[in-house]
PDB file of all heavy atoms in Angstrom:
ATOM      1  N   ALA A   1     -19.407  12.648   8.985  1.00  0.00           N
ATOM      2  CA  ALA A   1     -18.984  13.889   9.638  1.00  0.00           C
ATOM      3  C   ALA A   1     -20.173  14.842   9.781  1.00  0.00           C
ATOM      4  O   ALA A   1     -21.048  14.873   8.904  1.00  0.00           O
ATOM      5  CB  ALA A   1     -17.873  14.551   8.826  1.00  0.00           C
ATOM      6  N   PRO A   2     -20.208  15.613  10.888  1.00  0.00           N
ATOM      7  CA  PRO A   2     -19.191  15.760  11.937  1.00  0.00           C
ATOM      8  C   PRO A   2     -19.437  14.887  13.159  1.00  0.00           C
ATOM      9  O   PRO A   2     -18.901  15.169  14.231  1.00  0.00           O
ATOM     10  CB  PRO A   2     -19.330  17.235  12.303  1.00  0.00           C
ATOM     11  CG  PRO A   2     -20.808  17.487  12.168  1.00  0.00           C
ATOM     12  CD  PRO A   2     -21.263  16.651  10.999  1.00  0.00           C
ATOM     13  N   LYS A   3     -20.236  13.841  13.041  1.00  0.00           N
ATOM     14  CA  LYS A   3     -20.499  12.971  14.182  1.00  0.00           C
ATOM     15  C   LYS A   3     -19.210  12.259  14.608  1.00  0.00           C
ATOM     16  O   LYS A   3     -18.315  12.021  13.791  1.00  0.00           O
ATOM     17  CB  LYS A   3     -21.572  11.945  13.824  1.00  0.00           C
ATOM     18  CG  LYS A   3     -22.948  12.518  13.550  1.00  0.00           C
ATOM     19  CD  LYS A   3     -23.927  11.404  13.211  1.00  0.00           C
ATOM     20  CE  LYS A   3     -25.299  11.927  12.859  1.00  0.00           C
ATOM     21  NZ  LYS A   3     -26.238  10.833  12.503  1.00  0.00           N
ATOM     22  N   PRO A   4     -19.116  11.857  15.867  1.00  0.00           N
ATOM     23  CA  PRO A   4     -17.883  11.238  16.372  1.00  0.00           C
ATOM     24  C   PRO A   4     -17.668   9.826  15.838  1.00  0.00           C
ATOM     25  O   PRO A   4     -18.568   8.986  15.905  1.00  0.00           O
ATOM     26  CB  PRO A   4     -18.074  11.232  17.887  1.00  0.00           C
ATOM     27  CG  PRO A   4     -19.547  11.362  18.103  1.00  0.00           C
ATOM     28  CD  PRO A   4     -20.091  12.132  16.944  1.00  0.00           C
ATOM     29  N   GLN A   5     -16.471   9.594  15.325  1.00  0.00           N
ATOM     30  CA  GLN A   5     -16.109   8.254  14.866  1.00  0.00           C
ATOM     31  C   GLN A   5     -14.610   8.039  15.039  1.00  0.00           C
ATOM     32  O   GLN A   5     -13.804   8.968  15.021  1.00  0.00           O
ATOM     33  CB  GLN A   5     -16.525   8.012  13.424  1.00  0.00           C
ATOM     34  CG  GLN A   5     -15.727   8.752  12.360  1.00  0.00           C
ATOM     35  CD  GLN A   5     -16.095   8.327  10.941  1.00  0.00           C
ATOM     36  OE1 GLN A   5     -16.265   7.136  10.668  1.00  0.00           O
ATOM     37  NE2 GLN A   5     -16.222   9.291  10.045  1.00  0.00           N
ATOM     38  N   GLY A   6     -14.255   6.777  15.210  1.00  0.00           N
ATOM     39  CA  GLY A   6     -12.857   6.378  15.252  1.00  0.00           C
ATOM     40  C   GLY A   6     -12.634   5.261  14.265  1.00  0.00           C
ATOM     41  O   GLY A   6     -13.586   4.645  13.780  1.00  0.00           O
ATOM     42  N   MET A   7     -11.381   5.000  13.960  1.00  0.00           N
ATOM     43  CA  MET A   7     -11.041   3.925  13.032  1.00  0.00           C
ATOM     44  C   MET A   7      -9.659   3.418  13.360  1.00  0.00           C
ATOM     45  O   MET A   7      -8.894   4.079  14.075  1.00  0.00           O
ATOM     46  CB  MET A   7     -11.143   4.399  11.580  1.00  0.00           C
ATOM     47  CG  MET A   7     -10.348   5.628  11.266  1.00  0.00           C
ATOM     48  SD  MET A   7     -10.962   6.525   9.809  1.00  0.00           S
ATOM     49  CE  MET A   7     -12.554   7.093  10.373  1.00  0.00           C
ATOM     50  N   THR A   8      -9.317   2.250  12.848  1.00  0.00           N
ATOM     51  CA  THR A   8      -8.023   1.648  13.147  1.00  0.00           C
ATOM     52  C   THR A   8      -7.296   1.252  11.876  1.00  0.00           C
ATOM     53  O   THR A   8      -7.909   1.052  10.820  1.00  0.00           O
ATOM     54  CB  THR A   8      -8.187   0.380  14.012  1.00  0.00           C
ATOM     55  OG1 THR A   8      -8.771  -0.662  13.221  1.00  0.00           O
ATOM     56  CG2 THR A   8      -9.064   0.639  15.222  1.00  0.00           C
ATOM     57  N   THR A   9      -5.983   1.135  12.013  1.00  0.00           N
ATOM     58  CA  THR A   9      -5.149   0.614  10.935  1.00  0.00           C
ATOM     59  C   THR A   9      -4.491  -0.678  11.385  1.00  0.00           C
ATOM     60  O   THR A   9      -4.503  -1.023  12.564  1.00  0.00           O
ATOM     61  CB  THR A   9      -4.070   1.628  10.530  1.00  0.00           C
ATOM     62  OG1 THR A   9      -3.196   1.857  11.657  1.00  0.00           O
ATOM     63  CG2 THR A   9      -4.677   2.938  10.079  1.00  0.00           C
ATOM     64  N   ALA A  10      -3.893  -1.375  10.437  1.00  0.00           N
ATOM     65  CA  ALA A  10      -3.156  -2.608  10.717  1.00  0.00           C
ATOM     66  C   ALA A  10      -2.095  -2.769   9.639  1.00  0.00           C
ATOM     67  O   ALA A  10      -1.971  -1.934   8.737  1.00  0.00           O
ATOM     68  CB  ALA A  10      -4.102  -3.813  10.745  1.00  0.00           C
ATOM     69  N   ALA A  11      -1.334  -3.830   9.741  1.00  0.00           N
ATOM     70  CA  ALA A  11      -0.321  -4.115   8.719  1.00  0.00           C
ATOM     71  C   ALA A  11      -1.010  -4.766   7.523  1.00  0.00           C
ATOM     72  O   ALA A  11      -0.768  -5.920   7.175  1.00  0.00           O
ATOM     73  CB  ALA A  11       0.766  -5.016   9.288  1.00  0.00           C
ATOM     74  N   ASP A  12      -1.893  -3.988   6.899  1.00  0.00           N
ATOM     75  CA  ASP A  12      -2.639  -4.455   5.742  1.00  0.00           C
ATOM     76  C   ASP A  12      -2.848  -3.247   4.826  1.00  0.00           C
ATOM     77  O   ASP A  12      -2.042  -2.308   4.834  1.00  0.00           O
ATOM     78  CB  ASP A  12      -3.970  -5.101   6.164  1.00  0.00           C
ATOM     79  CG  ASP A  12      -4.842  -4.179   7.021  1.00  0.00           C
ATOM     80  OD1 ASP A  12      -4.606  -2.947   7.014  1.00  0.00           O
ATOM     81  OD2 ASP A  12      -5.774  -4.665   7.688  1.00  0.00           O
ATOM     82  N   TRP A  13      -3.919  -3.226   4.052  1.00  0.00           N
ATOM     83  CA  TRP A  13      -4.166  -2.132   3.109  1.00  0.00           C
ATOM     84  C   TRP A  13      -4.459  -0.798   3.791  1.00  0.00           C
ATOM     85  O   TRP A  13      -4.492   0.237   3.127  1.00  0.00           O
ATOM     86  CB  TRP A  13      -5.324  -2.502   2.190  1.00  0.00           C
ATOM     87  CG  TRP A  13      -6.554  -2.937   2.938  1.00  0.00           C
ATOM     88  CD1 TRP A  13      -7.552  -2.149   3.413  1.00  0.00           C
ATOM     89  CD2 TRP A  13      -6.883  -4.268   3.327  1.00  0.00           C
ATOM     90  NE1 TRP A  13      -8.497  -2.892   4.068  1.00  0.00           N
ATOM     91  CE2 TRP A  13      -8.112  -4.204   4.030  1.00  0.00           C
ATOM     92  CE3 TRP A  13      -6.272  -5.519   3.145  1.00  0.00           C
ATOM     93  CZ2 TRP A  13      -8.733  -5.342   4.557  1.00  0.00           C
ATOM     94  CZ3 TRP A  13      -6.895  -6.638   3.665  1.00  0.00           C
ATOM     95  CH2 TRP A  13      -8.113  -6.545   4.358  1.00  0.00           C
ATOM     96  N   THR A  14      -4.650  -0.822   5.115  1.00  0.00           N
ATOM     97  CA  THR A  14      -4.913   0.432   5.835  1.00  0.00           C
ATOM     98  C   THR A  14      -3.637   1.061   6.396  1.00  0.00           C
ATOM     99  O   THR A  14      -3.708   2.117   7.029  1.00  0.00           O
ATOM    100  CB  THR A  14      -5.894   0.190   6.996  1.00  0.00           C
ATOM    101  OG1 THR A  14      -5.294  -0.718   7.940  1.00  0.00           O
ATOM    102  CG2 THR A  14      -7.203  -0.413   6.490  1.00  0.00           C
ATOM    103  N   ARG A  15      -2.477   0.449   6.174  1.00  0.00           N
ATOM    104  CA  ARG A  15      -1.248   0.872   6.850  1.00  0.00           C
ATOM    105  C   ARG A  15      -0.865   2.326   6.550  1.00  0.00           C
ATOM    106  O   ARG A  15      -0.230   2.981   7.383  1.00  0.00           O
ATOM    107  CB  ARG A  15      -0.090  -0.060   6.484  1.00  0.00           C
ATOM    108  CG  ARG A  15       0.386   0.062   5.055  1.00  0.00           C
ATOM    109  CD  ARG A  15       1.624  -0.806   4.776  1.00  0.00           C
ATOM    110  NE  ARG A  15       1.280  -2.220   4.682  1.00  0.00           N
ATOM    111  CZ  ARG A  15       1.808  -3.159   5.466  1.00  0.00           C
ATOM    112  NH1 ARG A  15       2.677  -2.822   6.398  1.00  0.00           N
ATOM    113  NH2 ARG A  15       1.459  -4.412   5.317  1.00  0.00           N
ATOM    114  N   ALA A  16      -1.252   2.850   5.377  1.00  0.00           N
ATOM    115  CA  ALA A  16      -0.854   4.223   5.006  1.00  0.00           C
ATOM    116  C   ALA A  16      -1.915   5.258   5.360  1.00  0.00           C
ATOM    117  O   ALA A  16      -1.773   6.434   4.997  1.00  0.00           O
ATOM    118  CB  ALA A  16      -0.545   4.282   3.514  1.00  0.00           C
ATOM    119  N   MET A  17      -2.960   4.863   6.076  1.00  0.00           N
ATOM    120  CA  MET A  17      -4.075   5.767   6.336  1.00  0.00           C
ATOM    121  C   MET A  17      -3.643   7.028   7.082  1.00  0.00           C
ATOM    122  O   MET A  17      -4.206   8.110   6.877  1.00  0.00           O
ATOM    123  CB  MET A  17      -5.149   5.013   7.121  1.00  0.00           C
ATOM    124  CG  MET A  17      -6.404   5.807   7.409  1.00  0.00           C
ATOM    125  SD  MET A  17      -7.321   6.254   5.923  1.00  0.00           S
ATOM    126  CE  MET A  17      -8.686   7.157   6.647  1.00  0.00           C
ATOM    127  N   ALA A  18      -2.632   6.922   7.929  1.00  0.00           N
ATOM    128  CA  ALA A  18      -2.206   8.079   8.718  1.00  0.00           C
ATOM    129  C   ALA A  18      -1.728   9.228   7.846  1.00  0.00           C
ATOM    130  O   ALA A  18      -1.845  10.398   8.221  1.00  0.00           O
ATOM    131  CB  ALA A  18      -1.108   7.671   9.699  1.00  0.00           C
ATOM    132  N   THR A  19      -1.197   8.912   6.672  1.00  0.00           N
ATOM    133  CA  THR A  19      -0.694   9.955   5.763  1.00  0.00           C
ATOM    134  C   THR A  19      -1.520  10.091   4.493  1.00  0.00           C
ATOM    135  O   THR A  19      -1.438  11.110   3.810  1.00  0.00           O
ATOM    136  CB  THR A  19       0.770   9.666   5.372  1.00  0.00           C
ATOM    137  OG1 THR A  19       0.845   8.365   4.756  1.00  0.00           O
ATOM    138  CG2 THR A  19       1.667   9.700   6.601  1.00  0.00           C
ATOM    139  N   LYS A  20      -2.308   9.074   4.177  1.00  0.00           N
ATOM    140  CA  LYS A  20      -3.135   9.103   2.976  1.00  0.00           C
ATOM    141  C   LYS A  20      -4.582   8.780   3.351  1.00  0.00           C
ATOM    142  O   LYS A  20      -4.936   7.625   3.530  1.00  0.00           O
ATOM    143  CB  LYS A  20      -2.640   8.080   1.945  1.00  0.00           C
ATOM    144  CG  LYS A  20      -1.259   8.373   1.381  1.00  0.00           C
ATOM    145  CD  LYS A  20      -0.868   7.314   0.358  1.00  0.00           C
ATOM    146  CE  LYS A  20       0.500   7.601  -0.235  1.00  0.00           C
ATOM    147  NZ  LYS A  20       0.881   6.571  -1.240  1.00  0.00           N
ATOM    148  N   GLY A  21      -5.357   9.802   3.501  1.00  0.00           N
ATOM    149  CA  GLY A  21      -6.768   9.602   3.810  1.00  0.00           C
ATOM    150  C   GLY A  21      -7.186  10.263   5.101  1.00  0.00           C
ATOM    151  O   GLY A  21      -8.110  11.088   5.123  1.00  0.00           O
ATOM    152  N   PHE A  22      -6.505   9.928   6.191  1.00  0.00           N
ATOM    153  CA  PHE A  22      -6.924  10.502   7.472  1.00  0.00           C
ATOM    154  C   PHE A  22      -6.675  12.006   7.558  1.00  0.00           C
ATOM    155  O   PHE A  22      -7.539  12.737   8.083  1.00  0.00           O
ATOM    156  CB  PHE A  22      -6.247   9.794   8.645  1.00  0.00           C
ATOM    157  CG  PHE A  22      -6.773  10.259   9.975  1.00  0.00           C
ATOM    158  CD1 PHE A  22      -8.039   9.888  10.404  1.00  0.00           C
ATOM    159  CD2 PHE A  22      -6.023  11.107  10.778  1.00  0.00           C
ATOM    160  CE1 PHE A  22      -8.547  10.338  11.616  1.00  0.00           C
ATOM    161  CE2 PHE A  22      -6.521  11.560  11.994  1.00  0.00           C
ATOM    162  CZ  PHE A  22      -7.786  11.176  12.413  1.00  0.00           C
ATOM    163  N   PRO A  23      -5.529  12.532   7.081  1.00  0.00           N
ATOM    164  CA  PRO A  23      -5.361  13.999   7.138  1.00  0.00           C
ATOM    165  C   PRO A  23      -6.487  14.742   6.420  1.00  0.00           C
ATOM    166  O   PRO A  23      -6.955  15.785   6.908  1.00  0.00           O
ATOM    167  CB  PRO A  23      -4.007  14.216   6.446  1.00  0.00           C
ATOM    168  CG  PRO A  23      -3.264  12.943   6.666  1.00  0.00           C
ATOM    169  CD  PRO A  23      -4.309  11.867   6.573  1.00  0.00           C
ATOM    170  N   GLU A  24      -6.943  14.209   5.300  1.00  0.00           N
ATOM    171  CA  GLU A  24      -8.033  14.845   4.566  1.00  0.00           C
ATOM    172  C   GLU A  24      -9.361  14.723   5.327  1.00  0.00           C
ATOM    173  O   GLU A  24     -10.177  15.646   5.336  1.00  0.00           O
ATOM    174  CB  GLU A  24      -8.157  14.225   3.176  1.00  0.00           C
ATOM    175  CG  GLU A  24      -6.984  14.509   2.247  1.00  0.00           C
ATOM    176  CD  GLU A  24      -5.757  13.656   2.534  1.00  0.00           C
ATOM    177  OE1 GLU A  24      -5.871  12.665   3.287  1.00  0.00           O
ATOM    178  OE2 GLU A  24      -4.677  13.965   1.983  1.00  0.00           O
TER     179      GLU A  24
END
């Protein structure tokens, strides 16, 4: 940060990223 980046989730260990991790 603050450089531009994106990331993805899947039906794996990243599935909760939208509520745990990404908001922060």
